[in-house]
Amino acid sequence: MALHAGVSSDDGYEAWFAQEIGLFAKAGLDVNAQLFPNGSAAAAALIGHSLDFACGNVVTVAQARDHGVPVTLVAPSIVSVASAANTGLTVASDSPIHSAKDLEGKTVGVLSIQGILAMSVKVWLDKNGADSKRVQLVEVTPPEMLAALQRGTVAATLMVDPFLTLWASQVRLLANPVEAIGPRIISTGWFATTDWIAQNQAAAKAYADVMGATARWANDVSNRAQATAIVTKNLGRPVDLGKTFYAPTFDYAPMQPILDDAYKYKFISRPMTVAELVWKH
């Protein structure tokens, strides 16, 4: 079956892995993985029926549901673990900023001001002595973050792998804000429209199963060099996957704190549970 999946510059690489190592073909799926600047853009394409699957953060899916858009998570993606952080709030090496309080009155660059990364910055600021309302968040694409820091356009950026690892020697790590949400969270996932899933349950299950198998393959350190080469080829630039790991199956407990904070910080208008967002098959 021919399918279209949306990959972003920092998420959804499993679709490329599954293509290259033959897992889609083995499952009888012909998947065209298209690159988007971020998960929100992929989500827009999905809602516009240009994609069958998109990869994005859990907050994006919750916000879509909150606005009456029927989308459902079919497979998990990235796991963020405090002991192996793949995100980091960074400042220039010579920056005078050393604490959350120092960021008040300053500007922080994030991938999307509406997503989980922006929310994590707010949570971290408030938990570490600052007032998140006094810090401005602006959108900066991951490949532009180092240049934005060096120009002084922003005081800090929330970098993600592969860029966090790639530029580690050129920036100073201030904190891992995602840790403020929880020590281990499943932050992103693959989703589809609820109607599409209902009409294509076999294909949806096959895709979810392939994502689980791909996660296990990508988490095997012996495959890391091949995975890095695959992403480098598709992005057209050298990358280092760093400490990026994937969840083979859904685990609700590491996801619920995301939704709790999303409601607290008004990213969604009502409380939600993970069970509401995940396809049960």
Protein backbone atom coordinates (compact mmCIF):
# COMPACT_ATOMS: atom_id res chain seq x y z
CA MET A 1 0.00 0.00 0.00
CA ALA A 2 1.33 3.47 -0.91
CA LEU A 3 1.54 5.85 2.02
CA HIS A 4 2.88 9.37 2.64
CA ALA A 5 4.65 10.22 5.90
CA GLY A 6 5.95 13.54 7.18
CA VAL A 7 9.45 13.79 8.68
CA SER A 8 10.74 17.02 10.24
CA SER A 9 14.29 18.32 10.47
CA ASP A 10 14.65 16.94 14.01
CA ASP A 11 12.00 14.21 14.29
CA GLY A 12 10.53 11.23 12.49
CA TYR A 13 13.81 9.81 11.23
CA GLU A 14 12.43 6.31 11.81
CA ALA A 15 10.57 6.58 8.50
CA TRP A 16 13.92 6.97 6.71
CA PHE A 17 15.41 4.12 8.70
CA ALA A 18 12.52 1.80 7.85
CA GLN A 19 12.85 2.68 4.17
CA GLU A 20 16.58 2.03 4.05
CA ILE A 21 16.67 -1.22 6.01
CA GLY A 22 13.65 -2.68 4.24
CA LEU A 23 11.14 -2.86 7.08
CA PHE A 24 8.42 -1.01 5.16
CA ALA A 25 8.87 -3.27 2.14
CA LYS A 26 8.78 -6.35 4.37
CA ALA A 27 5.43 -5.17 5.76
CA GLY A 28 4.04 -4.57 2.28
CA LEU A 29 4.11 -0.78 2.62
CA ASP A 30 5.37 1.67 0.00
CA VAL A 31 6.08 4.80 2.07
CA ASN A 32 7.11 8.16 0.66
CA ALA A 33 8.78 10.04 3.54
CA GLN A 34 8.65 13.80 2.94
CA LEU A 35 10.76 16.37 4.82
CA PHE A 36 9.05 19.29 6.59
CA PRO A 37 10.63 22.16 8.59
CA ASN A 38 8.84 21.11 11.80
CA GLY A 39 6.10 18.89 13.20
CA SER A 40 3.49 21.64 12.96
CA ALA A 41 4.03 21.93 9.21
CA ALA A 42 3.74 18.15 8.86
CA ALA A 43 0.56 18.21 10.94
CA ALA A 44 -0.94 20.87 8.66
CA ALA A 45 -0.17 18.70 5.64
CA LEU A 46 -1.77 15.71 7.36
CA ILE A 47 -4.93 17.63 8.17
CA GLY A 48 -4.98 18.86 4.57
CA HIS A 49 -4.88 15.21 3.40
CA SER A 50 -1.44 15.49 1.79
CA LEU A 51 -0.03 12.98 4.29
CA ASP A 52 -1.25 9.77 5.88
CA PHE A 53 1.11 9.98 8.88
CA ALA A 54 3.00 12.82 10.54
CA CYS A 55 5.49 12.85 13.37
CA GLY A 56 5.17 15.58 15.96
CA ASN A 57 5.17 16.27 19.66
CA VAL A 58 2.42 15.17 22.00
CA VAL A 59 1.35 18.77 22.68
CA THR A 60 0.73 19.33 18.95
CA VAL A 61 -1.61 16.33 18.88
CA ALA A 62 -3.39 17.49 22.04
CA GLN A 63 -3.83 20.99 20.61
CA ALA A 64 -5.32 19.60 17.42
CA ARG A 65 -7.83 17.59 19.46
CA ASP A 66 -8.51 20.66 21.58
CA HIS A 67 -9.51 22.53 18.41
CA GLY A 68 -11.79 19.77 17.22
CA VAL A 69 -9.35 18.24 14.71
CA PRO A 70 -9.69 14.43 14.87
CA VAL A 71 -6.12 13.13 14.99
CA THR A 72 -4.87 10.09 16.89
CA LEU A 73 -1.44 8.80 17.92
CA VAL A 74 -0.62 5.45 16.35
CA ALA A 75 3.02 4.94 17.42
CA PRO A 76 5.47 6.62 19.81
CA SER A 77 8.70 8.21 18.65
CA ILE A 78 11.39 9.98 20.70
CA VAL A 79 12.05 9.25 24.36
CA SER A 80 13.62 12.11 26.33
CA VAL A 81 15.64 10.81 29.29
CA ALA A 82 17.29 13.15 31.80
CA SER A 83 20.37 10.91 32.10
CA ALA A 84 20.83 10.91 28.31
CA ALA A 85 19.49 14.30 27.30
CA ASN A 86 18.91 14.96 23.61
CA THR A 87 17.71 18.51 24.20
CA GLY A 88 19.46 21.41 25.89
CA LEU A 89 18.98 25.09 26.62
CA THR A 90 22.16 26.63 25.27
CA VAL A 91 23.82 30.03 25.39
CA ALA A 92 26.91 31.43 23.68
CA SER A 93 30.18 30.30 25.23
CA ASP A 94 30.92 33.82 26.53
CA SER A 95 27.34 34.62 27.59
CA PRO A 96 26.82 36.28 30.99
CA ILE A 97 23.69 34.14 31.49
CA HIS A 98 24.16 31.42 34.11
CA SER A 99 20.69 30.88 35.59
CA ALA A 100 16.99 30.90 34.82
CA LYS A 101 16.66 34.29 36.52
CA ASP A 102 19.26 35.75 34.15
CA LEU A 103 16.91 35.08 31.23
CA GLU A 104 14.21 37.44 32.45
CA GLY A 105 13.80 40.24 29.94
CA LYS A 106 15.62 38.17 27.31
CA THR A 107 14.61 36.22 24.20
CA VAL A 108 14.88 32.45 23.80
CA GLY A 109 14.76 30.67 20.44
CA VAL A 110 12.65 27.53 20.17
CA LEU A 111 11.50 25.38 17.28
CA SER A 112 7.85 26.32 17.81
CA ILE A 113 6.30 28.64 20.37
CA GLN A 114 3.29 26.31 20.62
CA GLY A 115 5.02 22.97 21.09
CA ILE A 116 6.38 20.85 23.89
CA LEU A 117 9.85 22.42 23.76
CA ALA A 118 8.49 25.92 24.32
CA MET A 119 6.37 24.57 27.14
CA SER A 120 9.37 22.88 28.74
CA VAL A 121 11.24 26.19 28.81
CA LYS A 122 8.35 27.81 30.69
CA VAL A 123 8.16 24.92 33.16
CA TRP A 124 11.93 25.03 33.77
CA LEU A 125 11.98 28.81 34.23
CA ASP A 126 9.21 28.74 36.82
CA LYS A 127 10.73 25.79 38.69
CA ASN A 128 14.13 27.49 38.88
CA GLY A 129 13.38 30.92 40.31
CA ALA A 130 12.38 32.88 37.22
CA ASP A 131 9.06 34.19 35.93
CA SER A 132 8.33 32.59 32.57
CA LYS A 133 6.03 35.48 31.70
CA ARG A 134 9.08 37.76 31.62
CA VAL A 135 10.91 35.69 28.97
CA GLN A 136 10.02 36.03 25.30
CA LEU A 137 10.02 32.93 23.11
CA VAL A 138 10.57 33.22 19.36
CA GLU A 139 10.68 30.61 16.63
CA VAL A 140 14.07 29.65 15.20
CA THR A 141 14.60 26.58 13.01
CA PRO A 142 17.15 24.09 14.43
CA PRO A 143 19.76 24.62 11.68
CA GLU A 144 19.71 28.39 12.35
CA MET A 145 20.06 28.27 16.13
CA LEU A 146 23.86 28.46 16.38
CA ALA A 147 23.99 31.46 14.06
CA ALA A 148 21.20 33.17 16.02
CA LEU A 149 23.21 32.76 19.24
CA GLN A 150 26.40 34.00 17.64
CA ARG A 151 24.66 37.07 16.20
CA GLY A 152 23.02 37.83 19.53
CA THR A 153 19.56 37.64 17.96
CA VAL A 154 18.54 35.47 20.92
CA ALA A 155 20.07 35.06 24.37
CA ALA A 156 19.51 31.30 24.43
CA THR A 157 18.18 28.52 22.23
CA LEU A 158 16.62 25.19 23.01
CA MET A 159 18.64 22.86 20.81
CA VAL A 160 17.81 19.28 19.99
CA ASP A 161 19.92 16.47 18.60
CA PRO A 162 21.54 16.10 16.17
CA PHE A 163 22.36 19.82 16.49
CA LEU A 164 22.96 19.81 20.24
CA THR A 165 25.70 17.21 19.87
CA LEU A 166 27.06 18.68 16.64
CA TRP A 167 27.56 22.16 18.13
CA ALA A 168 28.41 21.16 21.72
CA SER A 169 31.91 22.65 21.54
CA GLN A 170 30.59 26.02 20.32
CA VAL A 171 27.93 26.68 22.97
CA ARG A 172 27.49 26.38 26.73
CA LEU A 173 24.78 24.14 28.11
CA LEU A 174 22.59 25.92 30.65
CA ALA A 175 20.05 23.19 31.42
CA ASN A 176 17.82 20.48 29.99
CA PRO A 177 14.35 22.06 30.35
CA VAL A 178 12.55 18.89 29.27
CA GLU A 179 13.75 17.32 32.52
CA ALA A 180 11.52 19.81 34.34
CA ILE A 181 8.50 18.00 32.90
CA GLY A 182 9.75 14.58 33.97
CA PRO A 183 12.92 12.44 34.16
CA ARG A 184 11.69 10.24 31.28
CA ILE A 185 9.02 11.32 28.83
CA ILE A 186 7.80 10.08 25.47
CA SER A 187 7.73 13.47 23.83
CA THR A 188 6.81 12.79 20.20
CA GLY A 189 4.81 10.30 18.19
CA TRP A 190 3.33 9.33 14.84
CA PHE A 191 -0.27 10.30 14.27
CA ALA A 192 -2.96 10.13 11.60
CA THR A 193 -6.49 11.43 11.22
CA THR A 194 -9.02 9.38 13.11
CA ASP A 195 -11.15 8.88 9.98
CA TRP A 196 -8.17 7.62 7.98
CA ILE A 197 -7.32 5.10 10.70
CA ALA A 198 -10.91 3.83 10.77
CA GLN A 199 -10.85 3.29 7.01
CA ASN A 200 -7.33 1.82 6.88
CA GLN A 201 -6.88 -0.14 10.10
CA ALA A 202 -4.63 -2.82 8.59
CA ALA A 203 -2.27 -0.23 7.10
CA ALA A 204 -2.28 1.80 10.33
CA LYS A 205 -1.38 -1.30 12.37
CA ALA A 206 1.32 -2.28 9.90
CA TYR A 207 2.84 1.21 10.09
CA ALA A 208 2.73 1.17 13.90
CA ASP A 209 4.37 -2.26 13.99
CA VAL A 210 7.13 -1.11 11.64
CA MET A 211 7.78 1.95 13.81
CA GLY A 212 8.15 -0.31 16.85
CA ALA A 213 10.61 -2.58 15.05
CA THR A 214 12.49 0.45 13.72
CA ALA A 215 12.77 1.94 17.21
CA ARG A 216 14.40 -1.25 18.47
CA TRP A 217 16.79 -1.23 15.50
CA ALA A 218 17.71 2.45 15.98
CA ASN A 219 18.28 2.01 19.73
CA ASP A 220 20.86 -0.72 19.09
CA VAL A 221 24.23 1.04 19.33
CA SER A 222 25.66 -1.29 16.69
CA ASN A 223 23.32 0.34 14.17
CA ARG A 224 24.13 3.93 15.15
CA ALA A 225 26.68 4.52 12.37
CA GLN A 226 24.25 3.31 9.71
CA ALA A 227 21.41 5.35 11.20
CA THR A 228 23.59 8.46 11.20
CA ALA A 229 24.53 7.89 7.56
CA ILE A 230 20.85 7.53 6.61
CA VAL A 231 19.87 10.81 8.26
CA THR A 232 22.90 12.62 6.83
CA LYS A 233 21.95 11.50 3.32
CA ASN A 234 18.32 12.59 3.66
CA LEU A 235 19.01 15.93 5.35
CA GLY A 236 21.90 16.71 3.01
CA ARG A 237 24.30 17.67 5.80
CA PRO A 238 26.44 15.89 8.41
CA VAL A 239 24.60 14.96 11.59
CA ASP A 240 25.31 13.23 14.87
CA LEU A 241 22.33 11.41 16.37
CA GLY A 242 23.89 11.89 19.77
CA LYS A 243 21.64 10.55 22.52
CA THR A 244 18.46 10.19 20.50
CA PHE A 245 16.45 7.11 21.48
CA TYR A 246 13.03 5.87 20.46
CA ALA A 247 10.11 4.21 22.26
CA PRO A 248 9.08 0.87 20.70
CA THR A 249 5.67 0.95 22.44
CA PHE A 250 3.45 3.44 24.20
CA ASP A 251 3.85 3.93 27.95
CA TYR A 252 1.21 6.28 29.32
CA ALA A 253 2.97 7.24 32.56
CA PRO A 254 5.88 9.11 30.88
CA MET A 255 3.39 10.97 28.67
CA GLN A 256 0.75 12.21 31.11
CA PRO A 257 2.93 14.93 32.72
CA ILE A 258 3.21 16.55 29.29
CA LEU A 259 -0.56 16.91 29.04
CA ASP A 260 -0.84 18.09 32.66
CA ASP A 261 1.66 20.89 32.02
CA ALA A 262 0.04 21.71 28.67
CA TYR A 263 -3.21 22.43 30.51
CA LYS A 264 -1.46 24.33 33.33
CA TYR A 265 0.35 26.60 30.86
CA LYS A 266 -2.73 27.05 28.66
CA PHE A 267 -1.36 25.20 25.64
CA ILE A 268 -4.68 23.33 25.73
CA SER A 269 -7.98 24.53 27.14
CA ARG A 270 -9.02 21.42 29.08
CA PRO A 271 -7.41 18.54 30.96
CA MET A 272 -6.63 15.51 28.79
CA THR A 273 -5.44 11.96 29.34
CA VAL A 274 -3.02 10.03 27.15
CA ALA A 275 -5.68 7.35 26.67
CA GLU A 276 -7.80 9.89 24.80
CA LEU A 277 -5.08 10.47 22.20
CA VAL A 278 -3.72 6.96 21.55
CA TRP A 279 -5.19 4.48 19.08
CA LYS A 280 -5.97 1.17 20.76
CA HIS A 281 -5.42 -1.73 18.39
